Amino acid sequence: MRECKLSVIILSYNTGKFLNECFFSTLESAKRLKGVEIIIVDNASTDGTDKLIRNLKNDFDQKNKNKDLEFVVIFSQKNLGYAGGNNLGIKKSRGKYILFLNMDINLSKSALEDAVNFMESDQKIGAMTPKTMLFSGGIDPDCHRGFPTPWASITYFLGLEKLFPKSRLFGQYHKFYEDLTKPHEIDAGFGTFMIVRREVVDKVGLWDEKYFFYGEDLDYFYRIKQAGYKVMFYPKVLLRHYKGGSSGLRKESRQTTAASKETRLKTARASIKAMEIFYKKFYKDQYPAWLTFLILSAIKIKGFFRVAKHSLS
């Protein structure tokens, strides 16, 4: 393949249960777009997912006749976390656009073509996340997010956003008062489907590997905005999401996840650590010391109950 329009990076860790569906829906969607490379990064799986990936690669090499489509696999010798795994994919990628894609999803047939066409419509767009539906029903709220300022976080964790989802005062965490039927700027989407312009990656750099799991996509969106680019919400549904397939923390995927108790505890601790990293990195100097102390204390309390919950389950 001489020219690469789009690099699709799929990160996997013990997720063979989901990977087949994701891979083949991506192959199907790639038929409508010339110059696609699919890069699967395996983060040192221990459940046989690496064998599945090798079988997919061998089968692809034998049957693929599309010179505009490539399939690359990377096997990490250790679990580098979500940021570290994606960075391996970035270093290998060649596309004008890079799509970070979770493995617990199913793409629509036009997803890749629609995403690239939208990015090409405005050179000021640095990144985009589309409307995403859950297999369990309804919209995935994390495809449309505001940054977790102290006020947004407080109103969210107190349940005020849930009570008043259309309120500009109480709904800052997901900003559902916006018109979700039209494209518009947002603070952040999510790493489940995050397409980024190559020049943006070159400018803002790699993902921050201080995050192991959770928070790294929010960090990346924040840095993209800081660099002066637009982050956009695309209102067409391009995918469906099981949600929590690798972490095991989400109630939406409780019946489908293969995550062990050890993995659930590790990701629960990492999710709390991510909140601390993000706040200290971007907000600590913006707010008074007493508020920072209050927020970090609340994070620790939330972390205690989250870890305790998964220790008992």
Protein backbone atom coordinates (compact mmCIF):
# COMPACT_ATOMS: atom_id res chain seq x y z
CA MET A 1 0.00 0.00 0.00
CA ARG A 2 1.67 3.21 -1.18
CA GLU A 3 -0.46 5.79 0.63
CA CYS A 4 -2.11 5.34 4.00
CA LYS A 5 -5.18 7.46 4.70
CA LEU A 6 -6.19 5.93 8.02
CA SER A 7 -4.47 3.90 10.73
CA VAL A 8 -6.87 2.04 13.04
CA ILE A 9 -5.24 1.14 16.36
CA ILE A 10 -7.01 -1.55 18.38
CA LEU A 11 -5.61 -2.33 21.81
CA SER A 12 -6.28 -5.73 23.35
CA TYR A 13 -5.64 -7.33 26.72
CA ASN A 14 -7.33 -10.68 27.44
CA THR A 15 -10.22 -9.65 25.22
CA GLY A 16 -10.44 -12.42 22.64
CA LYS A 17 -14.13 -12.68 23.49
CA PHE A 18 -14.72 -9.28 21.87
CA LEU A 19 -11.85 -8.97 19.40
CA ASN A 20 -13.28 -11.11 16.59
CA GLU A 21 -16.42 -9.01 16.28
CA CYS A 22 -14.45 -5.76 16.40
CA PHE A 23 -11.88 -6.90 13.84
CA PHE A 24 -14.35 -8.17 11.26
CA SER A 25 -16.62 -5.14 11.56
CA THR A 26 -13.52 -2.98 11.01
CA LEU A 27 -12.55 -5.03 7.94
CA GLU A 28 -16.05 -4.61 6.55
CA SER A 29 -16.03 -0.86 7.16
CA ALA A 30 -12.58 -0.54 5.56
CA LYS A 31 -13.99 -1.72 2.21
CA ARG A 32 -15.39 1.78 1.58
CA LEU A 33 -12.11 3.62 2.15
CA LYS A 34 -8.83 3.37 0.28
CA GLY A 35 -5.59 3.28 2.23
CA VAL A 36 -6.44 1.70 5.60
CA GLU A 37 -4.10 -0.12 7.95
CA ILE A 38 -5.43 -2.00 10.97
CA ILE A 39 -2.96 -2.28 13.84
CA ILE A 40 -3.76 -4.62 16.72
CA VAL A 41 -1.58 -4.14 19.78
CA ASP A 42 -1.73 -7.00 22.27
CA ASN A 43 -0.78 -5.88 25.77
CA ALA A 44 0.75 -9.21 26.88
CA SER A 45 -2.50 -11.19 27.06
CA THR A 46 -2.46 -14.38 29.12
CA ASP A 47 -5.79 -15.91 28.07
CA GLY A 48 -4.92 -17.03 24.54
CA THR A 49 -5.86 -13.76 22.84
CA ASP A 50 -2.38 -13.65 21.33
CA LYS A 51 -3.05 -16.97 19.59
CA LEU A 52 -6.35 -15.62 18.23
CA ILE A 53 -4.54 -12.57 16.84
CA ARG A 54 -1.92 -14.75 15.15
CA ASN A 55 -4.69 -16.81 13.56
CA LEU A 56 -6.43 -13.64 12.35
CA LYS A 57 -3.14 -12.42 10.87
CA ASN A 58 -2.40 -15.71 9.11
CA ASP A 59 -5.92 -15.89 7.70
CA PHE A 60 -5.74 -12.27 6.51
CA ASP A 61 -2.37 -12.77 4.81
CA GLN A 62 -3.68 -15.79 2.94
CA LYS A 63 -7.01 -14.34 1.80
CA ASN A 64 -6.59 -10.58 1.47
CA LYS A 65 -6.44 -9.33 -2.13
CA ASN A 66 -6.98 -5.65 -1.36
CA LYS A 67 -3.70 -3.79 -1.85
CA ASP A 68 -5.20 -0.73 -0.14
CA LEU A 69 -5.66 -2.62 3.12
CA GLU A 70 -2.97 -3.78 5.55
CA PHE A 71 -3.08 -5.63 8.85
CA VAL A 72 -0.24 -5.19 11.34
CA VAL A 73 0.13 -6.89 14.72
CA ILE A 74 2.30 -5.84 17.67
CA PHE A 75 2.89 -8.07 20.69
CA SER A 76 4.06 -6.23 23.79
CA GLN A 77 6.16 -8.23 26.25
CA LYS A 78 4.39 -6.55 29.19
CA ASN A 79 1.10 -4.86 29.90
CA LEU A 80 1.90 -1.19 29.28
CA GLY A 81 -1.58 0.06 30.06
CA TYR A 82 -3.92 1.85 27.68
CA ALA A 83 -1.64 4.82 27.00
CA GLY A 84 1.50 2.74 26.58
CA GLY A 85 -0.20 0.27 24.26
CA ASN A 86 -1.61 3.04 22.07
CA ASN A 87 1.83 4.63 21.90
CA LEU A 88 3.23 1.40 20.44
CA GLY A 89 0.56 1.61 17.76
CA ILE A 90 1.25 5.28 17.03
CA LYS A 91 4.95 4.61 16.48
CA LYS A 92 4.09 1.92 13.94
CA SER A 93 1.29 3.82 12.18
CA ARG A 94 1.54 5.66 8.84
CA GLY A 95 -1.92 7.15 8.33
CA LYS A 96 -2.89 10.76 7.72
CA TYR A 97 -5.50 10.10 10.40
CA ILE A 98 -5.23 7.80 13.42
CA LEU A 99 -8.29 6.12 14.88
CA PHE A 100 -8.03 4.78 18.43
CA LEU A 101 -10.64 2.05 18.73
CA ASN A 102 -11.71 -0.10 21.67
CA MET A 103 -12.01 -3.81 21.00
CA ASP A 104 -15.46 -4.17 22.63
CA ILE A 105 -17.32 -2.45 19.79
CA ASN A 106 -18.99 -3.12 16.45
CA LEU A 107 -18.57 -0.53 13.68
CA SER A 108 -21.19 0.43 11.13
CA LYS A 109 -20.32 -0.31 7.50
CA SER A 110 -19.78 3.38 6.74
CA ALA A 111 -18.01 4.29 10.01
CA LEU A 112 -14.45 4.70 8.72
CA GLU A 113 -15.49 6.53 5.55
CA ASP A 114 -17.84 8.85 7.45
CA ALA A 115 -15.19 9.63 10.08
CA VAL A 116 -12.49 10.51 7.56
CA ASN A 117 -14.87 12.60 5.43
CA PHE A 118 -15.91 14.57 8.49
CA MET A 119 -12.30 15.23 9.48
CA GLU A 120 -11.52 16.39 5.94
CA SER A 121 -14.40 18.88 5.99
CA ASP A 122 -12.51 21.26 8.32
CA GLN A 123 -8.74 21.42 8.79
CA LYS A 124 -9.22 22.97 12.23
CA ILE A 125 -10.74 19.75 13.58
CA GLY A 126 -8.07 18.01 15.63
CA ALA A 127 -10.15 15.10 16.92
CA MET A 128 -13.66 13.70 16.77
CA THR A 129 -15.87 11.21 18.61
CA PRO A 130 -19.21 10.12 17.11
CA LYS A 131 -22.51 9.33 18.73
CA THR A 132 -22.14 5.86 20.24
CA MET A 133 -24.88 3.49 21.32
CA LEU A 134 -24.60 0.79 23.96
CA PHE A 135 -25.47 -2.83 23.23
CA SER A 136 -27.36 -2.71 26.54
CA GLY A 137 -29.46 0.16 25.19
CA GLY A 138 -29.30 3.94 24.96
CA ILE A 139 -26.47 6.34 24.20
CA ASP A 140 -23.04 5.86 25.73
CA PRO A 141 -22.82 9.09 27.78
CA ASP A 142 -19.02 9.21 27.63
CA CYS A 143 -19.02 9.97 23.90
CA HIS A 144 -20.01 13.55 24.82
CA ARG A 145 -18.12 14.97 27.82
CA GLY A 146 -17.17 18.18 29.49
CA PHE A 147 -13.89 18.48 31.36
CA PRO A 148 -14.13 17.39 35.03
CA THR A 149 -13.81 20.77 36.69
CA PRO A 150 -14.53 20.76 40.43
CA TRP A 151 -18.10 21.98 39.88
CA ALA A 152 -18.80 19.49 37.06
CA SER A 153 -17.41 16.64 39.15
CA ILE A 154 -19.30 17.58 42.31
CA THR A 155 -22.67 17.88 40.56
CA TYR A 156 -22.06 14.60 38.74
CA PHE A 157 -21.08 12.55 41.77
CA LEU A 158 -23.93 14.03 43.82
CA GLY A 159 -26.34 12.80 41.15
CA LEU A 160 -27.55 16.28 40.21
CA GLU A 161 -26.76 15.77 36.52
CA LYS A 162 -28.88 12.63 36.48
CA LEU A 163 -31.77 14.54 38.06
CA PHE A 164 -31.38 17.54 35.73
CA PRO A 165 -29.67 16.21 32.55
CA LYS A 166 -30.64 19.24 30.44
CA SER A 167 -29.49 21.80 33.01
CA ARG A 168 -26.53 24.00 32.08
CA LEU A 169 -25.88 24.50 35.78
CA PHE A 170 -25.89 20.85 36.88
CA GLY A 171 -25.11 19.08 33.60
CA GLN A 172 -21.54 20.18 32.94
CA TYR A 173 -20.07 16.67 33.17
CA HIS A 174 -21.72 15.38 29.99
CA LYS A 175 -23.39 18.55 28.68
CA PHE A 176 -26.52 16.85 27.43
CA TYR A 177 -28.19 20.23 27.16
CA GLU A 178 -26.41 20.48 23.78
CA ASP A 179 -28.24 19.44 20.58
CA LEU A 180 -26.98 15.90 19.93
CA THR A 181 -28.57 15.85 16.47
CA LYS A 182 -26.01 18.32 15.10
CA PRO A 183 -22.21 18.36 14.95
CA HIS A 184 -20.65 20.71 17.50
CA GLU A 185 -17.53 21.34 19.55
CA ILE A 186 -17.13 19.49 22.82
CA ASP A 187 -14.48 19.34 25.50
CA ALA A 188 -13.87 15.62 25.11
CA GLY A 189 -15.12 12.43 23.56
CA PHE A 190 -13.59 9.10 24.55
CA GLY A 191 -10.93 6.61 23.53
CA THR A 192 -13.54 4.07 22.46
CA PHE A 193 -13.65 5.83 19.09
CA MET A 194 -11.26 8.75 18.83
CA ILE A 195 -10.03 9.85 15.41
CA VAL A 196 -7.12 12.30 15.42
CA ARG A 197 -5.30 14.16 12.68
CA ARG A 198 -1.66 13.07 12.26
CA GLU A 199 -0.37 16.64 12.50
CA VAL A 200 -2.09 16.92 15.88
CA VAL A 201 -0.28 13.84 17.17
CA ASP A 202 3.00 15.28 15.88
CA LYS A 203 2.28 18.53 17.73
CA VAL A 204 0.95 17.32 21.10
CA GLY A 205 3.04 14.15 21.32
CA LEU A 206 2.24 10.66 22.57
CA TRP A 207 -0.28 9.60 25.22
CA ASP A 208 0.80 10.24 28.82
CA GLU A 209 1.92 6.88 30.23
CA LYS A 210 1.54 8.03 33.84
CA TYR A 211 -2.06 6.91 33.32
CA PHE A 212 -2.38 3.12 33.29
CA PHE A 213 -6.12 2.79 32.66
CA TYR A 214 -8.78 5.52 32.48
CA GLY A 215 -8.18 9.26 32.18
CA GLU A 216 -5.57 9.10 29.41
CA ASP A 217 -8.09 9.89 26.67
CA LEU A 218 -9.44 12.87 28.64
CA ASP A 219 -5.86 14.07 29.08
CA TYR A 220 -5.25 13.78 25.34
CA PHE A 221 -8.39 15.72 24.44
CA TYR A 222 -7.37 18.43 26.91
CA ARG A 223 -3.94 18.74 25.27
CA ILE A 224 -5.50 18.85 21.79
CA LYS A 225 -7.69 21.76 22.88
CA GLN A 226 -4.68 23.48 24.46
CA ALA A 227 -2.90 23.20 21.11
CA GLY A 228 -5.68 25.23 19.47
CA TYR A 229 -7.59 22.51 17.62
CA LYS A 230 -11.30 21.74 17.66
CA VAL A 231 -12.63 18.59 19.31
CA MET A 232 -15.92 17.67 17.66
CA PHE A 233 -18.98 15.54 18.35
CA TYR A 234 -20.36 13.83 15.24
CA PRO A 235 -24.10 13.08 15.58
CA LYS A 236 -24.32 10.02 13.34
CA VAL A 237 -24.17 6.64 15.11
CA LEU A 238 -21.03 4.92 13.85
CA LEU A 239 -20.68 2.14 16.42
CA ARG A 240 -22.18 0.13 19.24
CA HIS A 241 -20.25 -0.43 22.46
CA TYR A 242 -20.37 -3.21 25.05
CA LYS A 243 -18.52 -0.90 27.50
CA GLY A 244 -16.17 -2.20 30.16
CA GLY A 245 -15.22 -5.33 28.25
CA SER A 246 -11.61 -5.28 29.38
CA SER A 247 -11.95 -3.62 32.81
CA GLY A 248 -14.95 -5.50 34.16
CA LEU A 249 -16.00 -2.44 36.14
CA ARG A 250 -19.09 -1.46 34.20
CA LYS A 251 -22.54 -2.82 34.92
CA GLU A 252 -23.28 -2.70 31.18
CA SER A 253 -20.82 -5.53 30.49
CA ARG A 254 -21.11 -7.49 33.73
CA GLN A 255 -22.47 -10.52 31.87
CA THR A 256 -20.02 -10.37 28.96
CA THR A 257 -16.65 -9.30 30.38
CA ALA A 258 -13.91 -11.87 30.88
CA ALA A 259 -11.98 -9.66 33.33
CA SER A 260 -10.72 -11.49 36.41
CA LYS A 261 -11.15 -10.18 39.95
CA GLU A 262 -7.46 -9.24 39.92
CA THR A 263 -7.98 -7.20 36.74
CA ARG A 264 -11.08 -5.50 38.16
CA LEU A 265 -9.20 -4.46 41.29
CA LYS A 266 -6.20 -3.23 39.30
CA THR A 267 -8.35 -1.13 36.98
CA ALA A 268 -10.45 0.18 39.88
CA ARG A 269 -7.30 1.48 41.57
CA ALA A 270 -6.01 2.85 38.25
CA SER A 271 -9.27 4.73 37.62
CA ILE A 272 -8.92 6.58 40.93
CA LYS A 273 -5.25 7.27 40.33
CA ALA A 274 -6.21 8.73 36.94
CA MET A 275 -8.50 11.28 38.60
CA GLU A 276 -5.66 12.40 40.86
CA ILE A 277 -3.18 12.66 37.97
CA PHE A 278 -5.55 14.70 35.81
CA TYR A 279 -6.51 17.12 38.59
CA LYS A 280 -2.93 17.73 39.71
CA LYS A 281 -1.72 18.13 36.13
CA PHE A 282 -4.31 20.59 34.85
CA TYR A 283 -6.33 22.06 37.73
CA LYS A 284 -4.13 22.23 40.82
CA ASP A 285 -2.80 25.71 39.98
CA GLN A 286 -6.18 27.03 38.80
CA TYR A 287 -8.01 26.64 42.10
CA PRO A 288 -7.30 27.55 45.76
CA ALA A 289 -5.45 25.08 47.96
CA TRP A 290 -8.48 24.35 50.16
CA LEU A 291 -10.52 23.29 47.13
CA THR A 292 -7.70 21.10 45.82
CA PHE A 293 -7.49 19.42 49.24
CA LEU A 294 -11.26 18.87 49.25
CA ILE A 295 -11.30 17.40 45.73
CA LEU A 296 -8.33 15.08 46.29
CA SER A 297 -9.84 13.90 49.57
CA ALA A 298 -13.15 13.16 47.83
CA ILE A 299 -11.28 11.17 45.18
CA LYS A 300 -9.58 9.05 47.85
CA ILE A 301 -12.90 8.38 49.57
CA LYS A 302 -14.52 7.39 46.29
CA GLY A 303 -11.52 5.18 45.55
CA PHE A 304 -11.88 3.38 48.89
CA PHE A 305 -15.50 2.44 48.18
CA ARG A 306 -14.82 1.52 44.54
CA VAL A 307 -11.99 -0.87 45.46
CA ALA A 308 -13.99 -2.28 48.39
CA LYS A 309 -16.91 -2.99 46.08
CA HIS A 310 -14.81 -5.04 43.69
CA SER A 311 -12.90 -6.73 46.51
CA LEU A 312 -16.17 -8.23 47.72
CA SER A 313 -17.64 -9.12 44.33
